[in-house]
């Protein structure tokens, strides 16, 4: 909680939270979980949709890890320069689910946000960038917040992979599960959002509603509307968790 002085009294308010989606339709699905409409707010390098009454700021950050990272970093920097930094960033949206653990319409919350393809191909196989002596490939959201989010929404906790290329074959899906046995979902922005958050020292959470199976690309099997509805429902249940979350909770 954030403590604020109001008319001579010390009161509590919700921590400031930024929710970053890839595209506006996902942002709007999150917004529908809240009763009041959001107001558009232009900031340097980005446009936010600000929900009233302590609701989160919403950002359509763009598709892919690079644009998501740049847009999220711009929003975080603007908030810090305004003297009102965010306490948490949530990467949210729809994504692919690894069957049978994450079927279409289900929810996944990330215990690990992992870059699936950041590294080098070698004669002996793929080598993650960390094994090359650079950077990181995984961010870990606060364990207590992940558990609370899973309990509130019914989301299954596990690894959410970030890739610059969406999986389109059964062979690629099997390879990813072999490399990442705890992977439940795949998307394109979480790791970029997490990198921006980490650069600002801000914790991150990732929540995905599954719109399609990870594997052969079959648009007829996609259930985007169902997944967006699940995302709205999830944020309706998640909102009280986010309002009551304490950023520096030792169990967070």
Protein backbone atom coordinates (compact mmCIF):
# COMPACT_ATOMS: atom_id res chain seq x y z
CA UNK A 1 0.00 0.00 0.00
CA UNK A 2 0.98 3.61 -0.56
CA UNK A 3 0.50 6.02 2.32
CA UNK A 4 -0.80 9.48 1.47
CA UNK A 5 -1.55 12.54 3.58
CA UNK A 6 -5.09 13.75 3.00
CA UNK A 7 -6.60 16.71 4.89
CA UNK A 8 -4.25 16.15 7.82
CA UNK A 9 -4.91 12.42 8.04
CA UNK A 10 -2.82 9.47 6.96
CA UNK A 11 -4.75 7.26 4.56
CA UNK A 12 -3.92 4.27 2.40
CA UNK A 13 -4.33 3.98 -1.34
CA UNK A 14 -3.71 1.23 -3.84
CA UNK A 15 -0.23 0.89 -5.37
CA UNK A 16 0.09 2.38 -8.85
CA UNK A 17 -0.05 -0.41 -11.40
CA UNK A 18 0.65 -0.46 -15.13
CA UNK A 19 -1.00 -3.15 -17.25
CA UNK A 20 0.74 -3.66 -20.60
CA UNK A 21 -0.98 -5.58 -23.39
CA UNK A 22 0.16 -6.04 -26.97
CA UNK A 23 -2.81 -4.58 -28.85
CA UNK A 24 -5.79 -2.33 -28.09
CA UNK A 25 -8.35 -5.16 -28.17
CA UNK A 26 -6.55 -6.81 -25.24
CA UNK A 27 -6.26 -3.48 -23.42
CA UNK A 28 -9.99 -2.93 -23.88
CA UNK A 29 -10.75 -6.43 -22.58
CA UNK A 30 -8.91 -5.55 -19.37
CA UNK A 31 -10.74 -2.21 -19.17
CA UNK A 32 -14.12 -3.95 -19.33
CA UNK A 33 -13.38 -5.52 -15.94
CA UNK A 34 -13.70 -2.09 -14.33
CA UNK A 35 -16.98 -0.18 -13.96
CA UNK A 36 -15.78 3.28 -14.98
CA UNK A 37 -14.36 4.20 -18.40
CA UNK A 38 -10.70 5.01 -18.82
CA UNK A 39 -9.40 8.43 -19.84
CA UNK A 40 -6.77 8.71 -22.55
CA UNK A 41 -3.54 10.29 -21.35
CA UNK A 42 -0.65 11.19 -23.66
CA UNK A 43 2.80 10.83 -22.18
CA UNK A 44 6.21 11.21 -23.89
CA UNK A 45 6.62 8.24 -26.19
CA UNK A 46 3.35 6.54 -25.32
CA UNK A 47 -0.40 6.84 -24.72
CA UNK A 48 -2.02 5.48 -21.56
CA UNK A 49 -5.62 4.72 -20.69
CA UNK A 50 -6.07 5.68 -17.03
CA UNK A 51 -8.84 4.05 -15.02
CA UNK A 52 -10.35 6.10 -12.16
CA UNK A 53 -10.70 5.22 -8.48
CA UNK A 54 -7.31 3.61 -8.08
CA UNK A 55 -7.60 1.39 -11.12
CA UNK A 56 -4.50 0.55 -13.15
CA UNK A 57 -3.13 2.47 -16.09
CA UNK A 58 -3.51 0.50 -19.32
CA UNK A 59 -0.97 0.48 -22.15
CA UNK A 60 -1.23 -1.12 -25.59
CA UNK A 61 2.53 -1.57 -25.81
CA UNK A 62 2.79 -3.17 -29.25
CA UNK A 63 3.51 -6.62 -30.64
CA UNK A 64 6.79 -8.37 -29.91
CA UNK A 65 9.34 -8.12 -27.11
CA UNK A 66 11.29 -5.16 -28.50
CA UNK A 67 8.36 -2.76 -28.96
CA UNK A 68 6.73 -3.96 -25.74
CA UNK A 69 9.95 -3.23 -23.85
CA UNK A 70 10.36 0.22 -25.42
CA UNK A 71 6.75 1.27 -24.78
CA UNK A 72 6.75 -0.06 -21.21
CA UNK A 73 10.04 1.67 -20.48
CA UNK A 74 8.63 4.96 -21.81
CA UNK A 75 5.60 4.67 -19.53
CA UNK A 76 7.72 3.76 -16.51
CA UNK A 77 10.12 6.64 -17.16
CA UNK A 78 7.29 9.16 -17.57
CA UNK A 79 5.71 8.03 -14.29
CA UNK A 80 9.03 8.27 -12.46
CA UNK A 81 9.67 11.77 -13.81
CA UNK A 82 6.17 12.76 -12.69
CA UNK A 83 7.10 11.68 -9.16
CA UNK A 84 4.48 8.92 -9.15
CA UNK A 85 6.30 5.72 -10.12
CA UNK A 86 4.52 2.44 -10.67
CA UNK A 87 4.78 -0.25 -8.02
CA UNK A 88 3.97 -3.15 -10.35
CA UNK A 89 3.80 -3.92 -14.06
CA UNK A 90 1.42 -6.59 -15.35
CA UNK A 91 1.96 -8.09 -18.79
CA UNK A 92 -1.45 -9.33 -19.91
CA UNK A 93 -3.22 -10.62 -22.97
CA UNK A 94 -4.07 -13.72 -24.90
CA UNK A 95 -1.61 -16.37 -26.01
CA UNK A 96 -1.03 -19.95 -27.04
CA UNK A 97 -1.36 -22.76 -24.52
CA UNK A 98 0.57 -26.02 -24.38
CA UNK A 99 -1.83 -28.95 -24.42
CA UNK A 100 -3.06 -30.72 -22.41
CA UNK A 101 -2.07 -28.51 -19.46
CA UNK A 102 -3.37 -25.17 -20.76
CA UNK A 103 -6.43 -25.67 -22.96
CA UNK A 104 -8.22 -22.96 -24.89
CA UNK A 105 -10.13 -20.64 -22.57
CA UNK A 106 -7.93 -21.36 -19.55
CA UNK A 107 -5.70 -18.89 -17.71
CA UNK A 108 -1.97 -19.05 -17.01
CA UNK A 109 -0.04 -16.90 -14.54
CA UNK A 110 3.73 -16.84 -14.88
CA UNK A 111 5.98 -18.14 -12.16
CA UNK A 112 8.74 -17.62 -14.71
CA UNK A 113 8.80 -15.25 -17.68
CA UNK A 114 11.33 -16.76 -20.07
CA UNK A 115 12.75 -15.69 -23.43
CA UNK A 116 12.42 -18.85 -25.49
CA UNK A 117 14.73 -17.92 -28.36
CA UNK A 118 17.31 -15.51 -26.90
CA UNK A 119 20.66 -17.15 -27.49
CA UNK A 120 22.59 -18.98 -30.19
CA UNK A 121 22.13 -22.10 -32.28
CA UNK A 122 25.19 -24.35 -32.18
CA UNK A 123 26.15 -27.75 -33.54
CA UNK A 124 25.14 -29.14 -30.14
CA UNK A 125 21.80 -27.36 -30.09
CA UNK A 126 20.41 -24.11 -28.69
CA UNK A 127 22.45 -22.21 -26.10
CA UNK A 128 20.64 -19.53 -24.05
CA UNK A 129 22.25 -16.11 -23.86
CA UNK A 130 23.09 -16.61 -20.18
CA UNK A 131 25.33 -19.55 -21.11
CA UNK A 132 27.12 -17.19 -23.49
CA UNK A 133 27.90 -14.91 -20.56
CA UNK A 134 25.32 -12.19 -21.21
CA UNK A 135 22.12 -10.87 -19.70
CA UNK A 136 19.26 -12.99 -18.46
CA UNK A 137 16.59 -15.19 -20.01
CA UNK A 138 14.15 -15.49 -17.09
CA UNK A 139 12.37 -13.09 -14.75
CA UNK A 140 10.60 -14.31 -11.62
CA UNK A 141 7.44 -12.48 -10.51
CA UNK A 142 6.83 -12.18 -6.74
CA UNK A 143 5.89 -15.69 -5.58
CA UNK A 144 3.21 -14.53 -3.14
CA UNK A 145 1.55 -12.38 -5.77
CA UNK A 146 1.60 -15.26 -8.26
CA UNK A 147 -0.05 -17.53 -5.70
CA UNK A 148 -2.68 -14.93 -4.84
CA UNK A 149 -3.41 -14.31 -8.52
CA UNK A 150 -3.74 -18.03 -9.19
CA UNK A 151 -6.12 -18.47 -6.26
CA UNK A 152 -8.28 -15.49 -7.24
CA UNK A 153 -8.55 -16.23 -10.96
CA UNK A 154 -8.14 -19.99 -11.19
CA UNK A 155 -5.08 -19.51 -13.39
CA UNK A 156 -2.54 -22.28 -13.50
CA UNK A 157 0.98 -21.16 -12.47
CA UNK A 158 3.94 -22.11 -14.63
CA UNK A 159 6.39 -20.79 -17.20
CA UNK A 160 5.22 -18.39 -19.88
CA UNK A 161 7.55 -18.25 -22.87
CA UNK A 162 8.23 -15.15 -24.94
CA UNK A 163 9.24 -15.52 -28.57
CA UNK A 164 9.71 -13.19 -31.51
CA UNK A 165 8.19 -15.87 -33.74
CA UNK A 166 4.93 -17.63 -32.89
CA UNK A 167 5.14 -21.41 -32.96
CA UNK A 168 3.48 -22.89 -36.05
CA UNK A 169 4.45 -26.56 -36.09
CA UNK A 170 4.13 -29.57 -33.83
CA UNK A 171 7.89 -30.07 -34.03
CA UNK A 172 8.60 -26.59 -32.69
CA UNK A 173 6.02 -27.01 -29.91
CA UNK A 174 7.64 -30.29 -28.85
CA UNK A 175 11.10 -28.70 -28.94
CA UNK A 176 9.99 -25.84 -26.70
CA UNK A 177 8.45 -28.23 -24.17
CA UNK A 178 11.64 -30.27 -24.18
CA UNK A 179 13.71 -27.16 -23.44
CA UNK A 180 11.16 -25.75 -20.98
CA UNK A 181 9.29 -28.63 -19.29
CA UNK A 182 7.20 -26.27 -17.13
CA UNK A 183 6.06 -24.12 -20.05
CA UNK A 184 2.29 -23.62 -20.10
CA UNK A 185 1.86 -20.73 -22.52
CA UNK A 186 3.58 -18.80 -25.27
CA UNK A 187 3.26 -15.13 -26.18
CA UNK A 188 5.40 -12.36 -27.64
CA UNK A 189 5.65 -9.55 -25.07
CA UNK A 190 6.13 -10.75 -21.50
CA UNK A 191 9.90 -10.89 -21.46
CA UNK A 192 10.19 -7.44 -23.04
CA UNK A 193 7.81 -5.98 -20.46
CA UNK A 194 9.75 -7.73 -17.70
CA UNK A 195 13.08 -6.38 -18.96
CA UNK A 196 11.73 -2.82 -18.86
CA UNK A 197 10.31 -3.35 -15.39
CA UNK A 198 13.58 -4.82 -14.13
CA UNK A 199 15.51 -1.82 -15.46
CA UNK A 200 13.31 0.37 -13.25
CA UNK A 201 13.46 -1.98 -10.26
CA UNK A 202 9.73 -2.68 -10.52
CA UNK A 203 8.22 -6.17 -10.01
CA UNK A 204 6.34 -7.79 -12.86
CA UNK A 205 3.44 -10.22 -13.24
CA UNK A 206 2.25 -11.96 -16.42
CA UNK A 207 -1.28 -13.28 -16.99
CA UNK A 208 -2.39 -14.98 -20.20
CA UNK A 209 -5.76 -16.22 -21.41
CA UNK A 210 -5.30 -19.09 -23.85
CA UNK A 211 -6.78 -18.46 -27.30
CA UNK A 212 -5.22 -21.35 -29.25
CA UNK A 213 -3.05 -24.43 -28.81
CA UNK A 214 0.69 -24.04 -29.32
CA UNK A 215 1.52 -26.07 -32.42
CA UNK A 216 0.37 -26.23 -36.05
CA UNK A 217 -1.06 -22.88 -37.11
CA UNK A 218 -4.80 -23.43 -37.49
CA UNK A 219 -6.83 -20.21 -37.41
CA UNK A 220 -10.06 -22.18 -37.35
CA UNK A 221 -9.07 -23.49 -33.91
CA UNK A 222 -8.49 -20.03 -32.45
CA UNK A 223 -10.99 -18.81 -29.89
CA UNK A 224 -9.97 -15.17 -29.55
CA UNK A 225 -13.35 -13.94 -28.34
CA UNK A 226 -13.48 -16.64 -25.67
CA UNK A 227 -9.96 -15.80 -24.53
CA UNK A 228 -10.68 -12.06 -24.36
CA UNK A 229 -13.77 -12.80 -22.29
CA UNK A 230 -11.65 -14.93 -19.95
CA UNK A 231 -9.17 -12.05 -19.67
CA UNK A 232 -11.92 -9.63 -18.67
CA UNK A 233 -13.28 -12.07 -16.11
CA UNK A 234 -9.78 -12.69 -14.73
CA UNK A 235 -9.11 -9.00 -14.15
CA UNK A 236 -12.45 -8.62 -12.41
CA UNK A 237 -11.26 -11.23 -9.93
CA UNK A 238 -7.65 -10.02 -9.88
CA UNK A 239 -8.43 -6.35 -9.16
CA UNK A 240 -8.92 -6.81 -5.38
CA UNK A 241 -5.63 -8.73 -5.20
CA UNK A 242 -3.78 -5.92 -6.95
CA UNK A 243 -5.39 -3.24 -4.77
CA UNK A 244 -4.37 -4.98 -1.56
CA UNK A 245 -0.92 -6.10 -2.65
CA UNK A 246 1.97 -4.58 -0.71
CA UNK A 247 4.96 -3.97 -2.99
CA UNK A 248 7.55 -4.64 -0.29
CA UNK A 249 5.79 -7.59 1.32
CA UNK A 250 8.61 -10.01 2.31
CA UNK A 251 6.33 -12.86 1.20
CA UNK A 252 5.39 -11.05 -2.02
